[in-house]
Amino acid sequence: MAEIEALLKRFIDDVQRLYGDNLLSAYLYGRALRNNHDPSRHMTHVLLILKTLGVKELREYLTLSERAYRGIEPLFMSPSYIRSSMDAFPIEFLELKEGVLLFGEDFLKDTDIYLRHLRFEVEQEIKGKLLHLRHGFLATFKKGRLMDLLHESFLSYIPTFRASLVVLGKEPPQKVMEILDALKEGFSIDVKPLISVWELRHNPKMLKEELLDIFDRYHSVLETLAERIDSLDR
């Protein structure tokens, strides 16, 4: 953690020098705040809010040392973009609002996320990722990459799982097992298939038939969760 903090301090210092008064805020967000973050394997995400944002500012960023900051993935936004996009991307802004302010004013503090927008995107994300999961199964099964597909799918669902708990009026935890426990309680679903997928990282040599069984149960519980979310709109 100390290594990440030192890297982020150097990064923010360089970004400040680069953009000057045009840099309004910087936030650390996403996986770096959860217990499953491994900076040697996963990108560290930083939101940069610029007063003026265009191609010129993006090209300026490219002058920073790619080698020095190859583990950092910046997300650029402007105040006008944020104000006009809260209803379109409530899951993403929910995650950003939970971020740690690294520099500047807390621009996201007074922004509002409406539950009706959040519920709609949660349902959309669960069902959309299910479509990708099915397509991925057809594309990867014969290539022996089913375990990778399951692992990547699960990680992509974590922000959506957390957002679904907010829809229920619950405070979403950060730790994966606590998120799954809250899903079980809040939506009355069997989360054992989700736990099985999460634990695949500890069992990389699982037999194909075992993986197929996990995939089947994982797919089924996601369909059930989508139905539960859909029913909240009735």
Protein backbone atom coordinates (compact mmCIF):
# COMPACT_ATOMS: atom_id res chain seq x y z
CA MET A 1 0.00 0.00 0.00
CA ALA A 2 2.87 2.37 0.77
CA GLU A 3 4.22 1.76 -2.73
CA ILE A 4 0.88 2.73 -4.30
CA GLU A 5 0.63 5.85 -2.12
CA ALA A 6 4.11 6.96 -3.19
CA LEU A 7 3.27 6.33 -6.86
CA LEU A 8 0.02 8.29 -6.58
CA LYS A 9 1.76 11.23 -4.90
CA ARG A 10 4.30 11.45 -7.76
CA PHE A 11 1.50 11.09 -10.28
CA ILE A 12 -0.65 13.85 -8.77
CA ASP A 13 2.37 16.17 -8.49
CA ASP A 14 3.14 15.66 -12.19
CA VAL A 15 -0.51 16.09 -13.23
CA GLN A 16 -0.71 19.33 -11.22
CA ARG A 17 2.39 20.66 -12.96
CA LEU A 18 0.98 19.60 -16.32
CA TYR A 19 -2.48 21.14 -16.03
CA GLY A 20 -2.04 23.90 -13.45
CA ASP A 21 -5.30 25.66 -12.57
CA ASN A 22 -7.16 23.59 -15.17
CA LEU A 23 -7.02 20.58 -12.79
CA LEU A 24 -9.97 20.86 -10.41
CA SER A 25 -9.99 17.45 -8.67
CA ALA A 26 -8.41 14.02 -8.65
CA TYR A 27 -9.90 10.89 -7.07
CA LEU A 28 -8.70 7.35 -6.51
CA TYR A 29 -11.61 4.99 -7.19
CA GLY A 30 -12.60 1.44 -8.04
CA ARG A 31 -10.74 -1.76 -7.29
CA ALA A 32 -7.84 0.01 -5.57
CA LEU A 33 -10.21 0.64 -2.64
CA ARG A 34 -11.20 -3.03 -2.33
CA ASN A 35 -9.40 -5.92 -0.71
CA ASN A 36 -8.89 -7.76 -4.01
CA HIS A 37 -6.68 -5.09 -5.60
CA ASP A 38 -3.28 -6.30 -6.76
CA PRO A 39 -1.37 -3.40 -8.38
CA SER A 40 1.01 -5.82 -10.07
CA ARG A 41 -1.94 -7.35 -11.97
CA HIS A 42 -4.65 -4.69 -12.01
CA MET A 43 -4.74 -1.07 -13.11
CA THR A 44 -5.10 1.67 -10.49
CA HIS A 45 -7.90 4.02 -11.56
CA VAL A 46 -7.76 7.78 -11.05
CA LEU A 47 -10.46 10.28 -12.03
CA LEU A 48 -9.16 13.64 -13.23
CA ILE A 49 -11.67 16.50 -13.42
CA LEU A 50 -10.49 19.31 -15.69
CA LYS A 51 -12.14 22.72 -16.04
CA THR A 52 -11.53 22.59 -19.81
CA LEU A 53 -11.29 19.19 -21.49
CA GLY A 54 -10.60 18.48 -25.14
CA VAL A 55 -8.14 16.73 -27.42
CA LYS A 56 -5.47 19.27 -26.49
CA GLU A 57 -5.63 18.21 -22.82
CA LEU A 58 -5.57 14.54 -23.74
CA ARG A 59 -2.49 15.05 -25.91
CA GLU A 60 -0.82 16.93 -23.06
CA TYR A 61 -1.31 13.90 -20.83
CA LEU A 62 0.67 11.81 -23.32
CA THR A 63 3.77 13.86 -22.45
CA LEU A 64 3.90 12.15 -19.05
CA SER A 65 6.20 9.16 -18.73
CA GLU A 66 4.24 6.12 -19.86
CA ARG A 67 6.76 3.83 -18.18
CA ALA A 68 6.56 5.61 -14.83
CA TYR A 69 2.75 5.51 -14.70
CA ARG A 70 1.89 2.41 -16.75
CA GLY A 71 -0.04 1.01 -13.76
CA ILE A 72 -2.33 4.06 -13.56
CA GLU A 73 -5.38 4.41 -15.79
CA PRO A 74 -6.80 7.95 -15.83
CA LEU A 75 -10.45 8.80 -16.44
CA PHE A 76 -10.99 12.35 -17.70
CA MET A 77 -14.17 14.34 -17.07
CA SER A 78 -15.26 17.97 -17.05
CA PRO A 79 -17.86 19.56 -14.72
CA SER A 80 -20.33 19.98 -17.57
CA TYR A 81 -19.99 16.31 -18.54
CA ILE A 82 -20.61 15.23 -14.95
CA ARG A 83 -23.67 17.43 -14.52
CA SER A 84 -25.26 16.13 -17.73
CA SER A 85 -24.39 12.45 -17.22
CA MET A 86 -25.44 11.52 -13.67
CA ASP A 87 -28.72 10.05 -14.93
CA ALA A 88 -27.05 8.11 -17.76
CA PHE A 89 -24.31 6.41 -15.70
CA PRO A 90 -25.51 6.16 -12.07
CA ILE A 91 -23.52 2.95 -11.33
CA GLU A 92 -20.30 4.52 -12.52
CA PHE A 93 -20.92 7.75 -10.61
CA LEU A 94 -21.85 5.81 -7.49
CA GLU A 95 -18.40 4.21 -7.62
CA LEU A 96 -16.73 7.55 -8.32
CA LYS A 97 -18.53 9.26 -5.41
CA GLU A 98 -17.10 6.60 -3.08
CA GLY A 99 -13.60 7.44 -4.26
CA VAL A 100 -10.83 9.01 -2.20
CA LEU A 101 -10.08 12.66 -2.98
CA LEU A 102 -6.40 13.00 -3.87
CA PHE A 103 -6.39 16.63 -4.92
CA GLY A 104 -8.59 19.71 -5.16
CA GLU A 105 -12.21 20.35 -4.29
CA ASP A 106 -14.63 17.51 -3.64
CA PHE A 107 -16.59 18.20 -6.81
CA LEU A 108 -18.67 15.01 -6.54
CA LYS A 109 -19.78 15.61 -2.93
CA ASP A 110 -23.01 17.43 -3.76
CA THR A 111 -23.98 15.45 -6.86
CA ASP A 112 -27.14 13.32 -6.57
CA ILE A 113 -27.88 9.82 -7.85
CA TYR A 114 -31.58 8.98 -8.20
CA LEU A 115 -32.69 5.45 -7.37
CA ARG A 116 -34.96 5.15 -10.42
CA HIS A 117 -31.96 5.81 -12.69
CA LEU A 118 -29.81 3.44 -10.66
CA ARG A 119 -32.35 0.60 -10.73
CA PHE A 120 -32.71 0.91 -14.48
CA GLU A 121 -28.95 0.75 -15.12
CA VAL A 122 -28.48 -2.14 -12.67
CA GLU A 123 -31.05 -4.19 -14.58
CA GLN A 124 -29.52 -3.14 -17.89
CA GLU A 125 -26.01 -4.08 -16.75
CA ILE A 126 -26.98 -7.47 -15.34
CA LYS A 127 -28.87 -8.44 -18.48
CA GLY A 128 -26.28 -6.96 -20.82
CA LYS A 129 -23.43 -8.80 -19.11
CA LEU A 130 -25.49 -12.00 -19.31
CA LEU A 131 -25.61 -11.60 -23.09
CA HIS A 132 -21.83 -11.15 -23.14
CA LEU A 133 -21.41 -14.17 -20.87
CA ARG A 134 -23.37 -16.39 -23.27
CA HIS A 135 -21.45 -15.10 -26.26
CA GLY A 136 -18.21 -15.57 -24.36
CA PHE A 137 -19.11 -19.17 -23.57
CA LEU A 138 -19.52 -19.95 -27.27
CA ALA A 139 -16.27 -18.18 -28.12
CA THR A 140 -14.04 -19.56 -25.36
CA PHE A 141 -15.26 -23.00 -24.31
CA LYS A 142 -13.45 -24.99 -27.02
CA LYS A 143 -10.33 -22.89 -26.45
CA GLY A 144 -10.15 -23.89 -22.79
CA ARG A 145 -10.65 -20.34 -21.50
CA LEU A 146 -13.88 -20.87 -19.59
CA MET A 147 -12.20 -20.19 -16.24
CA ASP A 148 -10.85 -16.87 -17.50
CA LEU A 149 -14.31 -15.94 -18.80
CA LEU A 150 -15.93 -16.67 -15.44
CA HIS A 151 -13.31 -14.76 -13.48
CA GLU A 152 -13.48 -11.70 -15.74
CA SER A 153 -17.29 -11.79 -15.71
CA PHE A 154 -17.44 -11.90 -11.92
CA LEU A 155 -15.04 -8.97 -11.49
CA SER A 156 -17.05 -6.92 -13.98
CA TYR A 157 -20.22 -7.56 -11.95
CA ILE A 158 -18.90 -6.31 -8.60
CA PRO A 159 -19.85 -2.62 -9.11
CA THR A 160 -23.30 -3.75 -10.30
CA PHE A 161 -23.77 -6.02 -7.28
CA ARG A 162 -22.89 -3.12 -4.99
CA ALA A 163 -25.24 -0.77 -6.83
CA SER A 164 -28.08 -3.27 -6.55
CA LEU A 165 -27.73 -3.10 -2.77
CA VAL A 166 -28.03 0.69 -2.91
CA VAL A 167 -31.29 0.23 -4.84
CA LEU A 168 -32.54 -1.72 -1.81
CA GLY A 169 -31.52 1.14 0.47
CA LYS A 170 -28.52 -0.71 1.91
CA GLU A 171 -24.97 0.54 2.43
CA PRO A 172 -22.83 -1.59 0.08
CA PRO A 173 -19.73 -3.18 1.61
CA GLN A 174 -16.34 -3.17 -0.12
CA LYS A 175 -15.18 -6.73 0.60
CA VAL A 176 -16.34 -9.32 -1.92
CA MET A 177 -17.67 -11.91 0.54
CA GLU A 178 -19.59 -9.24 2.44
CA ILE A 179 -21.13 -8.04 -0.83
CA LEU A 180 -22.27 -11.60 -1.60
CA ASP A 181 -23.69 -12.06 1.90
CA ALA A 182 -25.66 -8.83 1.49
CA LEU A 183 -26.98 -9.99 -1.92
CA LYS A 184 -28.15 -13.24 -0.35
CA GLU A 185 -30.01 -11.41 2.40
CA GLY A 186 -31.37 -8.58 0.28
CA PHE A 187 -32.57 -10.53 -2.77
CA SER A 188 -33.14 -14.00 -1.26
CA ILE A 189 -30.84 -15.67 -3.80
CA ASP A 190 -28.43 -18.57 -3.51
CA VAL A 191 -24.97 -16.99 -3.75
CA LYS A 192 -23.02 -20.27 -3.60
CA PRO A 193 -22.47 -20.20 -7.40
CA LEU A 194 -21.07 -16.68 -7.11
CA ILE A 195 -18.74 -17.80 -4.33
CA SER A 196 -17.63 -20.75 -6.45
CA VAL A 197 -16.65 -18.42 -9.29
CA TRP A 198 -14.84 -16.06 -6.90
CA GLU A 199 -12.86 -18.98 -5.48
CA LEU A 200 -11.77 -20.26 -8.90
CA ARG A 201 -8.64 -18.14 -8.61
CA HIS A 202 -7.45 -20.59 -5.92
CA ASN A 203 -8.14 -23.68 -8.05
CA PRO A 204 -6.69 -23.10 -11.55
CA LYS A 205 -6.65 -26.81 -12.50
CA MET A 206 -10.34 -27.59 -12.18
CA LEU A 207 -11.78 -30.26 -14.50
CA LYS A 208 -13.86 -29.14 -17.50
CA GLU A 209 -17.04 -30.82 -16.23
CA GLU A 210 -16.71 -29.08 -12.88
CA LEU A 211 -16.30 -25.75 -14.65
CA LEU A 212 -19.38 -26.44 -16.77
CA ASP A 213 -21.42 -27.10 -13.64
CA ILE A 214 -20.20 -23.86 -12.03
CA PHE A 215 -20.96 -21.93 -15.23
CA ASP A 216 -24.49 -23.36 -15.35
CA ARG A 217 -25.24 -22.41 -11.74
CA TYR A 218 -23.55 -19.00 -12.10
CA HIS A 219 -25.63 -18.21 -15.20
CA SER A 220 -28.79 -19.30 -13.42
CA VAL A 221 -28.29 -17.12 -10.33
CA LEU A 222 -27.58 -14.08 -12.51
CA GLU A 223 -30.87 -14.66 -14.32
CA THR A 224 -32.62 -14.84 -10.95
CA LEU A 225 -30.98 -11.61 -9.78
CA ALA A 226 -32.08 -9.87 -12.99
CA GLU A 227 -35.67 -10.99 -12.31
CA ARG A 228 -35.49 -9.69 -8.73
CA ILE A 229 -34.22 -6.29 -9.91
CA ASP A 230 -36.89 -6.11 -12.62
CA SER A 231 -39.62 -6.82 -10.05
CA LEU A 232 -38.62 -3.73 -8.04
CA ASP A 233 -40.01 -1.54 -10.81
CA ARG A 234 -43.54 -2.97 -10.53
